[in-house]
Amino acid sequence: MADQSAATALLLGSFGILLLLQVPITFTLAISAVVTAAYLGLPLMVVVQQMVQGVRSFSLLAIPFFIIAGEMMGQGGISRRLILFSNLLVGRIRGGLAQVNCLASMFFGGISG
């Protein structure tokens, strides 16, 4: 069995070197994980199973939908109208910019869930 600190050094070292070589982060993470798993003597199937298990999380499913909702609000113009409406409600109050931001965020949260 390989030394734990050597495996950690290999993981961080390969990650850093690949980032310095400007390899995209997705490939950097995958290559670093596979290299470290090979060093530790783990079967490649274990790495694949762990990646699939991480993706199967139901709460992670919300992230792409929030991104899509934000893009739809931005392209559709509803975000601009919500900020103008929030500015109309609280923009005249002292510290109105911060309050407009908070109120618009409440509206965006109500829309996107």
PDB file of N, CA and C in Angstrom:
ATOM      1  N   MET A   1       0.838  -1.182   0.000  1.00  0.00           N
ATOM      2  CA  MET A   1       0.000   0.000   0.000  1.00  0.00           C
ATOM      3  C   MET A   1       0.881   1.243   0.000  1.00  0.00           C
ATOM      4  N   ALA A   2       0.533   2.209  -0.795  1.00  0.00           N
ATOM      5  CA  ALA A   2       1.334   3.422  -0.936  1.00  0.00           C
ATOM      6  C   ALA A   2       1.154   4.332   0.271  1.00  0.00           C
ATOM      7  N   ASP A   3       2.117   5.180   0.470  1.00  0.00           N
ATOM      8  CA  ASP A   3       2.086   6.127   1.575  1.00  0.00           C
ATOM      9  C   ASP A   3       1.036   7.204   1.294  1.00  0.00           C
ATOM     10  N   GLN A   4       0.257   7.549   2.332  1.00  0.00           N
ATOM     11  CA  GLN A   4      -0.830   8.519   2.186  1.00  0.00           C
ATOM     12  C   GLN A   4      -0.294   9.911   1.835  1.00  0.00           C
ATOM     13  N   SER A   5       0.789  10.331   2.473  1.00  0.00           N
ATOM     14  CA  SER A   5       1.323  11.666   2.194  1.00  0.00           C
ATOM     15  C   SER A   5       1.922  11.744   0.787  1.00  0.00           C
ATOM     16  N   ALA A   6       2.502  10.649   0.311  1.00  0.00           N
ATOM     17  CA  ALA A   6       3.028  10.638  -1.055  1.00  0.00           C
ATOM     18  C   ALA A   6       1.891  10.714  -2.068  1.00  0.00           C
ATOM     19  N   ALA A   7       0.779  10.044  -1.773  1.00  0.00           N
ATOM     20  CA  ALA A   7      -0.377  10.101  -2.669  1.00  0.00           C
ATOM     21  C   ALA A   7      -0.965  11.509  -2.700  1.00  0.00           C
ATOM     22  N   THR A   8      -1.016  12.152  -1.533  1.00  0.00           N
ATOM     23  CA  THR A   8      -1.520  13.524  -1.479  1.00  0.00           C
ATOM     24  C   THR A   8      -0.607  14.461  -2.258  1.00  0.00           C
ATOM     25  N   ALA A   9       0.692  14.286  -2.095  1.00  0.00           N
ATOM     26  CA  ALA A   9       1.647  15.113  -2.838  1.00  0.00           C
ATOM     27  C   ALA A   9       1.514  14.882  -4.344  1.00  0.00           C
ATOM     28  N   LEU A  10       1.312  13.630  -4.740  1.00  0.00           N
ATOM     29  CA  LEU A  10       1.128  13.322  -6.159  1.00  0.00           C
ATOM     30  C   LEU A  10      -0.138  13.975  -6.699  1.00  0.00           C
ATOM     31  N   LEU A  11      -1.218  13.902  -5.930  1.00  0.00           N
ATOM     32  CA  LEU A  11      -2.488  14.503  -6.349  1.00  0.00           C
ATOM     33  C   LEU A  11      -2.340  16.006  -6.522  1.00  0.00           C
ATOM     34  N   LEU A  12      -1.810  16.681  -5.505  1.00  0.00           N
ATOM     35  CA  LEU A  12      -1.677  18.135  -5.574  1.00  0.00           C
ATOM     36  C   LEU A  12      -0.634  18.555  -6.609  1.00  0.00           C
ATOM     37  N   GLY A  13       0.438  17.782  -6.708  1.00  0.00           N
ATOM     38  CA  GLY A  13       1.470  18.107  -7.690  1.00  0.00           C
ATOM     39  C   GLY A  13       0.975  17.982  -9.114  1.00  0.00           C
ATOM     40  N   SER A  14       0.295  16.881  -9.416  1.00  0.00           N
ATOM     41  CA  SER A  14      -0.229  16.709 -10.776  1.00  0.00           C
ATOM     42  C   SER A  14      -1.301  17.747 -11.079  1.00  0.00           C
ATOM     43  N   PHE A  15      -2.097  18.081 -10.078  1.00  0.00           N
ATOM     44  CA  PHE A  15      -3.123  19.111 -10.252  1.00  0.00           C
ATOM     45  C   PHE A  15      -2.474  20.458 -10.569  1.00  0.00           C
ATOM     46  N   GLY A  16      -1.463  20.826  -9.797  1.00  0.00           N
ATOM     47  CA  GLY A  16      -0.788  22.104 -10.013  1.00  0.00           C
ATOM     48  C   GLY A  16      -0.068  22.173 -11.347  1.00  0.00           C
ATOM     49  N   ILE A  17       0.617  21.099 -11.714  1.00  0.00           N
ATOM     50  CA  ILE A  17       1.349  21.085 -12.985  1.00  0.00           C
ATOM     51  C   ILE A  17       0.388  21.200 -14.164  1.00  0.00           C
ATOM     52  N   LEU A  18      -0.714  20.469 -14.092  1.00  0.00           N
ATOM     53  CA  LEU A  18      -1.681  20.533 -15.195  1.00  0.00           C
ATOM     54  C   LEU A  18      -2.330  21.912 -15.293  1.00  0.00           C
ATOM     55  N   LEU A  19      -2.564  22.548 -14.140  1.00  0.00           N
ATOM     56  CA  LEU A  19      -3.105  23.905 -14.184  1.00  0.00           C
ATOM     57  C   LEU A  19      -2.099  24.883 -14.777  1.00  0.00           C
ATOM     58  N   LEU A  20      -0.821  24.719 -14.419  1.00  0.00           N
ATOM     59  CA  LEU A  20       0.212  25.589 -14.988  1.00  0.00           C
ATOM     60  C   LEU A  20       0.357  25.387 -16.493  1.00  0.00           C
ATOM     61  N   LEU A  21       0.084  24.184 -16.961  1.00  0.00           N
ATOM     62  CA  LEU A  21       0.120  23.900 -18.396  1.00  0.00           C
ATOM     63  C   LEU A  21      -1.154  24.351 -19.104  1.00  0.00           C
ATOM     64  N   GLN A  22      -2.072  24.966 -18.348  1.00  0.00           N
ATOM     65  CA  GLN A  22      -3.342  25.502 -18.846  1.00  0.00           C
ATOM     66  C   GLN A  22      -4.239  24.437 -19.454  1.00  0.00           C
ATOM     67  N   VAL A  23      -4.229  23.264 -18.843  1.00  0.00           N
ATOM     68  CA  VAL A  23      -5.170  22.210 -19.214  1.00  0.00           C
ATOM     69  C   VAL A  23      -6.523  22.599 -18.608  1.00  0.00           C
ATOM     70  N   PRO A  24      -7.634  22.440 -19.309  1.00  0.00           N
ATOM     71  CA  PRO A  24      -8.941  22.775 -18.737  1.00  0.00           C
ATOM     72  C   PRO A  24      -9.180  22.044 -17.410  1.00  0.00           C
ATOM     73  N   ILE A  25      -9.892  22.711 -16.511  1.00  0.00           N
ATOM     74  CA  ILE A  25     -10.048  22.222 -15.141  1.00  0.00           C
ATOM     75  C   ILE A  25     -10.736  20.861 -15.084  1.00  0.00           C
ATOM     76  N   THR A  26     -11.654  20.587 -15.987  1.00  0.00           N
ATOM     77  CA  THR A  26     -12.327  19.288 -15.961  1.00  0.00           C
ATOM     78  C   THR A  26     -11.351  18.156 -16.231  1.00  0.00           C
ATOM     79  N   PHE A  27     -10.488  18.362 -17.214  1.00  0.00           N
ATOM     80  CA  PHE A  27      -9.489  17.339 -17.516  1.00  0.00           C
ATOM     81  C   PHE A  27      -8.431  17.269 -16.426  1.00  0.00           C
ATOM     82  N   THR A  28      -8.104  18.418 -15.844  1.00  0.00           N
ATOM     83  CA  THR A  28      -7.120  18.444 -14.758  1.00  0.00           C
ATOM     84  C   THR A  28      -7.599  17.619 -13.576  1.00  0.00           C
ATOM     85  N   LEU A  29      -8.851  17.808 -13.192  1.00  0.00           N
ATOM     86  CA  LEU A  29      -9.401  17.038 -12.071  1.00  0.00           C
ATOM     87  C   LEU A  29      -9.431  15.546 -12.386  1.00  0.00           C
ATOM     88  N   ALA A  30      -9.874  15.204 -13.587  1.00  0.00           N
ATOM     89  CA  ALA A  30      -9.987  13.791 -13.952  1.00  0.00           C
ATOM     90  C   ALA A  30      -8.620  13.120 -14.036  1.00  0.00           C
ATOM     91  N   ILE A  31      -7.675  13.771 -14.676  1.00  0.00           N
ATOM     92  CA  ILE A  31      -6.346  13.172 -14.824  1.00  0.00           C
ATOM     93  C   ILE A  31      -5.665  13.023 -13.475  1.00  0.00           C
ATOM     94  N   SER A  32      -5.775  14.043 -12.624  1.00  0.00           N
ATOM     95  CA  SER A  32      -5.160  13.965 -11.294  1.00  0.00           C
ATOM     96  C   SER A  32      -5.761  12.828 -10.481  1.00  0.00           C
ATOM     97  N   ALA A  33      -7.075  12.667 -10.552  1.00  0.00           N
ATOM     98  CA  ALA A  33      -7.729  11.592  -9.799  1.00  0.00           C
ATOM     99  C   ALA A  33      -7.317  10.221 -10.311  1.00  0.00           C
ATOM    100  N   VAL A  34      -7.256  10.053 -11.619  1.00  0.00           N
ATOM    101  CA  VAL A  34      -6.889   8.755 -12.191  1.00  0.00           C
ATOM    102  C   VAL A  34      -5.430   8.422 -11.891  1.00  0.00           C
ATOM    103  N   VAL A  35      -4.542   9.411 -11.988  1.00  0.00           N
ATOM    104  CA  VAL A  35      -3.123   9.174 -11.690  1.00  0.00           C
ATOM    105  C   VAL A  35      -2.945   8.779 -10.231  1.00  0.00           C
ATOM    106  N   THR A  36      -3.635   9.470  -9.328  1.00  0.00           N
ATOM    107  CA  THR A  36      -3.512   9.144  -7.906  1.00  0.00           C
ATOM    108  C   THR A  36      -4.114   7.779  -7.605  1.00  0.00           C
ATOM    109  N   ALA A  37      -5.241   7.456  -8.217  1.00  0.00           N
ATOM    110  CA  ALA A  37      -5.849   6.139  -8.003  1.00  0.00           C
ATOM    111  C   ALA A  37      -4.938   5.035  -8.519  1.00  0.00           C
ATOM    112  N   ALA A  38      -4.285   5.265  -9.644  1.00  0.00           N
ATOM    113  CA  ALA A  38      -3.348   4.266 -10.170  1.00  0.00           C
ATOM    114  C   ALA A  38      -2.153   4.108  -9.237  1.00  0.00           C
ATOM    115  N   TYR A  39      -1.680   5.208  -8.667  1.00  0.00           N
ATOM    116  CA  TYR A  39      -0.565   5.144  -7.724  1.00  0.00           C
ATOM    117  C   TYR A  39      -0.951   4.359  -6.471  1.00  0.00           C
ATOM    118  N   LEU A  40      -2.187   4.556  -6.018  1.00  0.00           N
ATOM    119  CA  LEU A  40      -2.654   3.849  -4.819  1.00  0.00           C
ATOM    120  C   LEU A  40      -3.026   2.398  -5.107  1.00  0.00           C
ATOM    121  N   GLY A  41      -3.092   2.027  -6.362  1.00  0.00           N
ATOM    122  CA  GLY A  41      -3.427   0.655  -6.713  1.00  0.00           C
ATOM    123  C   GLY A  41      -4.919   0.370  -6.718  1.00  0.00           C
ATOM    124  N   LEU A  42      -5.725   1.414  -6.793  1.00  0.00           N
ATOM    125  CA  LEU A  42      -7.177   1.240  -6.848  1.00  0.00           C
ATOM    126  C   LEU A  42      -7.594   0.870  -8.267  1.00  0.00           C
ATOM    127  N   PRO A  43      -8.572  -0.008  -8.402  1.00  0.00           N
ATOM    128  CA  PRO A  43      -9.078  -0.306  -9.750  1.00  0.00           C
ATOM    129  C   PRO A  43      -9.764   0.926 -10.344  1.00  0.00           C
ATOM    130  N   LEU A  44      -9.685   1.068 -11.637  1.00  0.00           N
ATOM    131  CA  LEU A  44     -10.287   2.216 -12.310  1.00  0.00           C
ATOM    132  C   LEU A  44     -11.801   2.238 -12.120  1.00  0.00           C
ATOM    133  N   MET A  45     -12.401   1.067 -11.930  1.00  0.00           N
ATOM    134  CA  MET A  45     -13.846   0.989 -11.716  1.00  0.00           C
ATOM    135  C   MET A  45     -14.256   1.728 -10.443  1.00  0.00           C
ATOM    136  N   VAL A  46     -13.413   1.725  -9.425  1.00  0.00           N
ATOM    137  CA  VAL A  46     -13.719   2.436  -8.180  1.00  0.00           C
ATOM    138  C   VAL A  46     -13.800   3.935  -8.441  1.00  0.00           C
ATOM    139  N   VAL A  47     -12.893   4.451  -9.254  1.00  0.00           N
ATOM    140  CA  VAL A  47     -12.909   5.875  -9.592  1.00  0.00           C
ATOM    141  C   VAL A  47     -14.193   6.224 -10.332  1.00  0.00           C
ATOM    142  N   VAL A  48     -14.577   5.398 -11.284  1.00  0.00           N
ATOM    143  CA  VAL A  48     -15.797   5.643 -12.057  1.00  0.00           C
ATOM    144  C   VAL A  48     -17.024   5.581 -11.150  1.00  0.00           C
ATOM    145  N   GLN A  49     -17.084   4.597 -10.257  1.00  0.00           N
ATOM    146  CA  GLN A  49     -18.220   4.472  -9.347  1.00  0.00           C
ATOM    147  C   GLN A  49     -18.329   5.682  -8.428  1.00  0.00           C
ATOM    148  N   GLN A  50     -17.216   6.191  -7.950  1.00  0.00           N
ATOM    149  CA  GLN A  50     -17.241   7.363  -7.077  1.00  0.00           C
ATOM    150  C   GLN A  50     -17.705   8.608  -7.829  1.00  0.00           C
ATOM    151  N   MET A  51     -17.300   8.734  -9.087  1.00  0.00           N
ATOM    152  CA  MET A  51     -17.743   9.885  -9.874  1.00  0.00           C
ATOM    153  C   MET A  51     -19.240   9.811 -10.142  1.00  0.00           C
ATOM    154  N   VAL A  52     -19.733   8.630 -10.473  1.00  0.00           N
ATOM    155  CA  VAL A  52     -21.165   8.470 -10.731  1.00  0.00           C
ATOM    156  C   VAL A  52     -21.960   8.707  -9.455  1.00  0.00           C
ATOM    157  N   GLN A  53     -21.466   8.240  -8.331  1.00  0.00           N
ATOM    158  CA  GLN A  53     -22.155   8.443  -7.059  1.00  0.00           C
ATOM    159  C   GLN A  53     -22.250   9.930  -6.723  1.00  0.00           C
ATOM    160  N   GLY A  54     -21.219  10.698  -7.049  1.00  0.00           N
ATOM    161  CA  GLY A  54     -21.252  12.132  -6.788  1.00  0.00           C
ATOM    162  C   GLY A  54     -22.248  12.863  -7.661  1.00  0.00           C
ATOM    163  N   VAL A  55     -22.435  12.404  -8.877  1.00  0.00           N
ATOM    164  CA  VAL A  55     -23.357  13.058  -9.805  1.00  0.00           C
ATOM    165  C   VAL A  55     -24.806  12.694  -9.502  1.00  0.00           C
ATOM    166  N   ARG A  56     -25.033  11.578  -8.849  1.00  0.00           N
ATOM    167  CA  ARG A  56     -26.394  11.121  -8.583  1.00  0.00           C
ATOM    168  C   ARG A  56     -27.080  11.910  -7.476  1.00  0.00           C
ATOM    169  N   SER A  57     -26.395  12.861  -6.890  1.00  0.00           N
ATOM    170  CA  SER A  57     -26.972  13.667  -5.822  1.00  0.00           C
ATOM    171  C   SER A  57     -28.115  14.521  -6.379  1.00  0.00           C
ATOM    172  N   PHE A  58     -29.277  14.433  -5.737  1.00  0.00           N
ATOM    173  CA  PHE A  58     -30.453  15.160  -6.220  1.00  0.00           C
ATOM    174  C   PHE A  58     -30.278  16.666  -6.058  1.00  0.00           C
ATOM    175  N   SER A  59     -29.594  17.085  -4.994  1.00  0.00           N
ATOM    176  CA  SER A  59     -29.434  18.522  -4.771  1.00  0.00           C
ATOM    177  C   SER A  59     -28.540  19.168  -5.827  1.00  0.00           C
ATOM    178  N   LEU A  60     -27.607  18.419  -6.411  1.00  0.00           N
ATOM    179  CA  LEU A  60     -26.771  18.977  -7.470  1.00  0.00           C
ATOM    180  C   LEU A  60     -27.546  19.190  -8.763  1.00  0.00           C
ATOM    181  N   LEU A  61     -28.685  18.558  -8.891  1.00  0.00           N
ATOM    182  CA  LEU A  61     -29.499  18.711 -10.088  1.00  0.00           C
ATOM    183  C   LEU A  61     -30.046  20.133 -10.209  1.00  0.00           C
ATOM    184  N   ALA A  62     -30.180  20.835  -9.083  1.00  0.00           N
ATOM    185  CA  ALA A  62     -30.736  22.187  -9.104  1.00  0.00           C
ATOM    186  C   ALA A  62     -29.791  23.203  -9.729  1.00  0.00           C
ATOM    187  N   ILE A  63     -28.499  22.957  -9.696  1.00  0.00           N
ATOM    188  CA  ILE A  63     -27.525  23.950 -10.165  1.00  0.00           C
ATOM    189  C   ILE A  63     -27.727  24.311 -11.637  1.00  0.00           C
ATOM    190  N   PRO A  64     -27.819  23.340 -12.562  1.00  0.00           N
ATOM    191  CA  PRO A  64     -28.037  23.752 -13.959  1.00  0.00           C
ATOM    192  C   PRO A  64     -29.369  24.458 -14.167  1.00  0.00           C
ATOM    193  N   PHE A  65     -30.381  24.089 -13.396  1.00  0.00           N
ATOM    194  CA  PHE A  65     -31.675  24.745 -13.562  1.00  0.00           C
ATOM    195  C   PHE A  65     -31.643  26.189 -13.074  1.00  0.00           C
ATOM    196  N   PHE A  66     -30.880  26.484 -12.010  1.00  0.00           N
ATOM    197  CA  PHE A  66     -30.726  27.869 -11.573  1.00  0.00           C
ATOM    198  C   PHE A  66     -29.977  28.681 -12.628  1.00  0.00           C
ATOM    199  N   ILE A  67     -28.992  28.079 -13.257  1.00  0.00           N
ATOM    200  CA  ILE A  67     -28.245  28.777 -14.301  1.00  0.00           C
ATOM    201  C   ILE A  67     -29.157  29.058 -15.495  1.00  0.00           C
ATOM    202  N   ILE A  68     -29.969  28.081 -15.876  1.00  0.00           N
ATOM    203  CA  ILE A  68     -30.901  28.269 -16.992  1.00  0.00           C
ATOM    204  C   ILE A  68     -31.935  29.339 -16.653  1.00  0.00           C
ATOM    205  N   ALA A  69     -32.455  29.319 -15.423  1.00  0.00           N
ATOM    206  CA  ALA A  69     -33.442  30.325 -15.020  1.00  0.00           C
ATOM    207  C   ALA A  69     -32.830  31.723 -15.056  1.00  0.00           C
ATOM    208  N   GLY A  70     -31.605  31.872 -14.584  1.00  0.00           N
ATOM    209  CA  GLY A  70     -30.942  33.173 -14.624  1.00  0.00           C
ATOM    210  C   GLY A  70     -30.706  33.656 -16.041  1.00  0.00           C
ATOM    211  N   GLU A  71     -30.314  32.744 -16.905  1.00  0.00           N
ATOM    212  CA  GLU A  71     -30.089  33.113 -18.303  1.00  0.00           C
ATOM    213  C   GLU A  71     -31.398  33.517 -18.977  1.00  0.00           C
ATOM    214  N   MET A  72     -32.478  32.801 -18.675  1.00  0.00           N
ATOM    215  CA  MET A  72     -33.780  33.149 -19.254  1.00  0.00           C
ATOM    216  C   MET A  72     -34.254  34.508 -18.752  1.00  0.00           C
ATOM    217  N   MET A  73     -34.041  34.782 -17.461  1.00  0.00           N
ATOM    218  CA  MET A  73     -34.447  36.085 -16.923  1.00  0.00           C
ATOM    219  C   MET A  73     -33.605  37.204 -17.530  1.00  0.00           C
ATOM    220  N   GLY A  74     -32.326  36.949 -17.742  1.00  0.00           N
ATOM    221  CA  GLY A  74     -31.463  37.970 -18.331  1.00  0.00           C
ATOM    222  C   GLY A  74     -31.794  38.241 -19.787  1.00  0.00           C
ATOM    223  N   GLN A  75     -32.002  37.186 -20.566  1.00  0.00           N
ATOM    224  CA  GLN A  75     -32.306  37.348 -21.987  1.00  0.00           C
ATOM    225  C   GLN A  75     -33.717  37.882 -22.212  1.00  0.00           C
ATOM    226  N   GLY A  76     -34.639  37.502 -21.347  1.00  0.00           N
ATOM    227  CA  GLY A  76     -36.024  37.926 -21.503  1.00  0.00           C
ATOM    228  C   GLY A  76     -36.300  39.342 -21.036  1.00  0.00           C
ATOM    229  N   GLY A  77     -35.367  39.942 -20.292  1.00  0.00           N
ATOM    230  CA  GLY A  77     -35.555  41.308 -19.823  1.00  0.00           C
ATOM    231  C   GLY A  77     -36.271  41.423 -18.501  1.00  0.00           C
ATOM    232  N   ILE A  78     -36.680  40.302 -17.917  1.00  0.00           N
ATOM    233  CA  ILE A  78     -37.402  40.388 -16.651  1.00  0.00           C
ATOM    234  C   ILE A  78     -36.492  40.868 -15.525  1.00  0.00           C
ATOM    235  N   SER A  79     -35.203  40.564 -15.608  1.00  0.00           N
ATOM    236  CA  SER A  79     -34.294  41.006 -14.555  1.00  0.00           C
ATOM    237  C   SER A  79     -34.184  42.530 -14.542  1.00  0.00           C
ATOM    238  N   ARG A  80     -34.110  43.142 -15.708  1.00  0.00           N
ATOM    239  CA  ARG A  80     -34.042  44.605 -15.774  1.00  0.00           C
ATOM    240  C   ARG A  80     -35.311  45.232 -15.218  1.00  0.00           C
ATOM    241  N   ARG A  81     -36.465  44.655 -15.561  1.00  0.00           N
ATOM    242  CA  ARG A  81     -37.730  45.196 -15.061  1.00  0.00           C
ATOM    243  C   ARG A  81     -37.873  45.006 -13.554  1.00  0.00           C
ATOM    244  N   LEU A  82     -37.378  43.882 -13.023  1.00  0.00           N
ATOM    245  CA  LEU A  82     -37.434  43.672 -11.577  1.00  0.00           C
ATOM    246  C   LEU A  82     -36.546  44.660 -10.831  1.00  0.00           C
ATOM    247  N   ILE A  83     -35.389  44.964 -11.382  1.00  0.00           N
ATOM    248  CA  ILE A  83     -34.506  45.936 -10.736  1.00  0.00           C
ATOM    249  C   ILE A  83     -35.112  47.332 -10.809  1.00  0.00           C
ATOM    250  N   LEU A  84     -35.711  47.690 -11.935  1.00  0.00           N
ATOM    251  CA  LEU A  84     -36.378  48.992 -12.035  1.00  0.00           C
ATOM    252  C   LEU A  84     -37.541  49.089 -11.057  1.00  0.00           C
ATOM    253  N   PHE A  85     -38.311  48.008 -10.916  1.00  0.00           N
ATOM    254  CA  PHE A  85     -39.423  47.997  -9.963  1.00  0.00           C
ATOM    255  C   PHE A  85     -38.916  48.114  -8.527  1.00  0.00           C
ATOM    256  N   SER A  86     -37.846  47.409  -8.212  1.00  0.00           N
ATOM    257  CA  SER A  86     -37.267  47.495  -6.871  1.00  0.00           C
ATOM    258  C   SER A  86     -36.733  48.896  -6.609  1.00  0.00           C
ATOM    259  N   ASN A  87     -36.143  49.503  -7.616  1.00  0.00           N
ATOM    260  CA  ASN A  87     -35.647  50.869  -7.478  1.00  0.00           C
ATOM    261  C   ASN A  87     -36.793  51.842  -7.251  1.00  0.00           C
ATOM    262  N   LEU A  88     -37.911  51.604  -7.894  1.00  0.00           N
ATOM    263  CA  LEU A  88     -39.090  52.440  -7.705  1.00  0.00           C
ATOM    264  C   LEU A  88     -39.606  52.346  -6.271  1.00  0.00           C
ATOM    265  N   LEU A  89     -39.564  51.137  -5.693  1.00  0.00           N
ATOM    266  CA  LEU A  89     -40.077  50.939  -4.338  1.00  0.00           C
ATOM    267  C   LEU A  89     -39.170  51.523  -3.263  1.00  0.00           C
ATOM    268  N   VAL A  90     -37.878  51.246  -3.332  1.00  0.00           N
ATOM    269  CA  VAL A  90     -36.986  51.620  -2.225  1.00  0.00           C
ATOM    270  C   VAL A  90     -35.786  52.448  -2.666  1.00  0.00           C
ATOM    271  N   GLY A  91     -35.708  52.860  -3.912  1.00  0.00           N
ATOM    272  CA  GLY A  91     -34.539  53.578  -4.402  1.00  0.00           C
ATOM    273  C   GLY A  91     -34.363  54.955  -3.805  1.00  0.00           C
ATOM    274  N   ARG A  92     -35.436  55.593  -3.370  1.00  0.00           N
ATOM    275  CA  ARG A  92     -35.351  56.948  -2.849  1.00  0.00           C
ATOM    276  C   ARG A  92     -34.901  56.996  -1.389  1.00  0.00           C
ATOM    277  N   ILE A  93     -34.936  55.856  -0.708  1.00  0.00           N
ATOM    278  CA  ILE A  93     -34.551  55.775   0.702  1.00  0.00           C
ATOM    279  C   ILE A  93     -33.033  55.818   0.801  1.00  0.00           C
ATOM    280  N   ARG A  94     -32.519  56.365   1.906  1.00  0.00           N
ATOM    281  CA  ARG A  94     -31.075  56.391   2.121  1.00  0.00           C
ATOM    282  C   ARG A  94     -30.545  54.952   2.129  1.00  0.00           C
ATOM    283  N   GLY A  95     -29.473  54.727   1.420  1.00  0.00           N
ATOM    284  CA  GLY A  95     -28.954  53.368   1.265  1.00  0.00           C
ATOM    285  C   GLY A  95     -29.790  52.575   0.290  1.00  0.00           C
ATOM    286  N   GLY A  96     -30.440  53.273  -0.626  1.00  0.00           N
ATOM    287  CA  GLY A  96     -31.379  52.640  -1.540  1.00  0.00           C
ATOM    288  C   GLY A  96     -30.759  51.616  -2.471  1.00  0.00           C
ATOM    289  N   LEU A  97     -29.492  51.842  -2.855  1.00  0.00           N
ATOM    290  CA  LEU A  97     -28.853  50.898  -3.763  1.00  0.00           C
ATOM    291  C   LEU A  97     -28.744  49.517  -3.131  1.00  0.00           C
ATOM    292  N   ALA A  98     -28.353  49.476  -1.869  1.00  0.00           N
ATOM    293  CA  ALA A  98     -28.258  48.190  -1.173  1.00  0.00           C
ATOM    294  C   ALA A  98     -29.639  47.567  -0.994  1.00  0.00           C
ATOM    295  N   GLN A  99     -30.628  48.401  -0.709  1.00  0.00           N
ATOM    296  CA  GLN A  99     -31.977  47.876  -0.516  1.00  0.00           C
ATOM    297  C   GLN A  99     -32.580  47.399  -1.838  1.00  0.00           C
ATOM    298  N   VAL A 100     -32.270  48.092  -2.920  1.00  0.00           N
ATOM    299  CA  VAL A 100     -32.720  47.636  -4.241  1.00  0.00           C
ATOM    300  C   VAL A 100     -32.115  46.273  -4.537  1.00  0.00           C
ATOM    301  N   ASN A 101     -30.848  46.111  -4.205  1.00  0.00           N
ATOM    302  CA  ASN A 101     -30.177  44.833  -4.423  1.00  0.00           C
ATOM    303  C   ASN A 101     -30.855  43.725  -3.621  1.00  0.00           C
ATOM    304  N   CYS A 102     -31.134  43.985  -2.349  1.00  0.00           N
ATOM    305  CA  CYS A 102     -31.776  42.962  -1.505  1.00  0.00           C
ATOM    306  C   CYS A 102     -33.183  42.640  -1.998  1.00  0.00           C
ATOM    307  N   LEU A 103     -33.947  43.664  -2.349  1.00  0.00           N
ATOM    308  CA  LEU A 103     -35.319  43.443  -2.804  1.00  0.00           C
ATOM    309  C   LEU A 103     -35.345  42.697  -4.142  1.00  0.00           C
ATOM    310  N   ALA A 104     -34.464  43.083  -5.061  1.00  0.00           N
ATOM    311  CA  ALA A 104     -34.403  42.375  -6.346  1.00  0.00           C
ATOM    312  C   ALA A 104     -33.980  40.927  -6.135  1.00  0.00           C
ATOM    313  N   SER A 105     -33.062  40.686  -5.194  1.00  0.00           N
ATOM    314  CA  SER A 105     -32.653  39.310  -4.903  1.00  0.00           C
ATOM    315  C   SER A 105     -33.813  38.505  -4.338  1.00  0.00           C
ATOM    316  N   MET A 106     -34.653  39.141  -3.531  1.00  0.00           N
ATOM    317  CA  MET A 106     -35.842  38.441  -3.018  1.00  0.00           C
ATOM    318  C   MET A 106     -36.776  38.069  -4.163  1.00  0.00           C
ATOM    319  N   PHE A 107     -36.961  38.982  -5.103  1.00  0.00           N
ATOM    320  CA  PHE A 107     -37.822  38.685  -6.244  1.00  0.00           C
ATOM    321  C   PHE A 107     -37.243  37.555  -7.099  1.00  0.00           C
ATOM    322  N   PHE A 108     -35.935  37.620  -7.355  1.00  0.00           N
ATOM    323  CA  PHE A 108     -35.289  36.564  -8.143  1.00  0.00           C
ATOM    324  C   PHE A 108     -35.402  35.219  -7.442  1.00  0.00           C
ATOM    325  N   GLY A 109     -35.229  35.222  -6.124  1.00  0.00           N
ATOM    326  CA  GLY A 109     -35.365  33.981  -5.362  1.00  0.00           C
ATOM    327  C   GLY A 109     -36.783  33.437  -5.414  1.00  0.00           C
ATOM    328  N   GLY A 110     -37.754  34.338  -5.372  1.00  0.00           N
ATOM    329  CA  GLY A 110     -39.142  33.904  -5.464  1.00  0.00           C
ATOM    330  C   GLY A 110     -39.484  33.318  -6.823  1.00  0.00           C
ATOM    331  N   ILE A 111     -38.872  33.863  -7.857  1.00  0.00           N
ATOM    332  CA  ILE A 111     -39.142  33.365  -9.206  1.00  0.00           C
ATOM    333  C   ILE A 111     -38.462  32.023  -9.447  1.00  0.00           C
ATOM    334  N   SER A 112     -37.180  31.945  -9.077  1.00  0.00           N
ATOM    335  CA  SER A 112     -36.423  30.735  -9.409  1.00  0.00           C
ATOM    336  C   SER A 112     -36.564  29.636  -8.369  1.00  0.00           C
ATOM    337  N   GLY A 113     -37.084  29.949  -7.233  1.00  0.00           N
ATOM    338  CA  GLY A 113     -37.297  28.922  -6.218  1.00  0.00           C
ATOM    339  C   GLY A 113     -36.158  28.867  -5.295  1.00  0.00           C
TER     340      GLY A 113
END
